[in-house]
């Protein structure tokens, strides 16, 4: 499992990082945005889910079980 701040792999200065990690064999992608709003976390999680489905990896959404479901 690779854990990086979600702003980095999804939208930050390295938007392709999450996909590159998955292409390199990462099997789990973790979404964890403690200070983020519900909509920010949900948007990021949906984007991350597209990537994890494409690569057959697991997606973990931390700290917000309501959004994870």
Protein backbone atom coordinates (compact mmCIF):
# COMPACT_ATOMS: atom_id res chain seq x y z
CA UNK A 1 0.00 0.00 0.00
CA UNK A 2 1.23 3.45 -0.87
CA UNK A 3 -0.05 6.36 1.18
CA UNK A 4 0.50 9.89 -0.08
CA UNK A 5 -1.48 13.07 0.52
CA UNK A 6 -4.46 12.88 -1.80
CA UNK A 7 -3.86 16.35 -3.14
CA UNK A 8 -0.64 15.02 -4.64
CA UNK A 9 -1.84 11.99 -6.65
CA UNK A 10 -5.23 13.29 -7.73
CA UNK A 11 -5.17 17.05 -8.20
CA UNK A 12 -2.01 18.61 -6.84
CA UNK A 13 1.29 19.33 -8.50
CA UNK A 14 1.64 15.71 -9.71
CA UNK A 15 -1.84 14.75 -10.97
CA UNK A 16 -0.62 11.53 -12.60
CA UNK A 17 1.17 10.15 -9.55
CA UNK A 18 -1.65 7.88 -8.37
CA UNK A 19 -1.94 6.27 -11.78
CA UNK A 20 1.83 5.86 -12.06
CA UNK A 21 1.91 4.16 -8.67
CA UNK A 22 -0.86 1.79 -9.72
CA UNK A 23 0.86 1.09 -13.05
CA UNK A 24 4.01 0.27 -11.07
CA UNK A 25 2.20 -2.38 -9.05
CA UNK A 26 0.64 -0.61 -6.07
CA UNK A 27 -2.33 -2.77 -5.05
CA UNK A 28 -4.06 -0.38 -2.64
CA UNK A 29 -4.72 3.35 -2.98
CA UNK A 30 -5.68 5.20 0.19
CA UNK A 31 -7.82 8.35 0.20
CA UNK A 32 -7.32 10.36 3.33
CA UNK A 33 -8.16 14.05 3.50
CA UNK A 34 -8.76 14.92 7.14
CA UNK A 35 -9.37 18.67 6.73
CA UNK A 36 -11.37 18.31 3.49
CA UNK A 37 -15.07 18.90 3.04
CA UNK A 38 -17.38 16.01 2.26
CA UNK A 39 -17.64 17.07 -1.38
CA UNK A 40 -13.84 17.35 -1.71
CA UNK A 41 -13.33 13.87 -0.27
CA UNK A 42 -16.14 12.35 -2.35
CA UNK A 43 -14.81 13.92 -5.55
CA UNK A 44 -11.31 12.65 -4.85
CA UNK A 45 -12.58 9.19 -3.88
CA UNK A 46 -14.64 8.90 -7.07
CA UNK A 47 -11.62 9.81 -9.17
CA UNK A 48 -9.44 7.38 -7.22
CA UNK A 49 -12.07 4.65 -7.70
CA UNK A 50 -11.89 5.04 -11.47
CA UNK A 51 -8.13 4.55 -11.27
CA UNK A 52 -8.25 1.58 -8.90
CA UNK A 53 -10.89 -0.18 -11.01
CA UNK A 54 -8.79 0.33 -14.12
CA UNK A 55 -5.80 -1.29 -12.41
CA UNK A 56 -7.60 -3.94 -10.35
CA UNK A 57 -6.49 -2.37 -7.07
CA UNK A 58 -8.28 -1.79 -3.78
CA UNK A 59 -9.45 1.64 -2.64
CA UNK A 60 -9.44 2.62 1.03
CA UNK A 61 -11.28 5.74 2.18
CA UNK A 62 -10.17 6.71 5.67
CA UNK A 63 -11.87 8.78 8.34
CA UNK A 64 -15.28 9.06 6.59
CA UNK A 65 -17.18 5.78 6.60
CA UNK A 66 -20.28 7.64 5.37
CA UNK A 67 -18.44 8.55 2.17
CA UNK A 68 -16.68 5.22 1.83
CA UNK A 69 -19.99 3.41 1.53
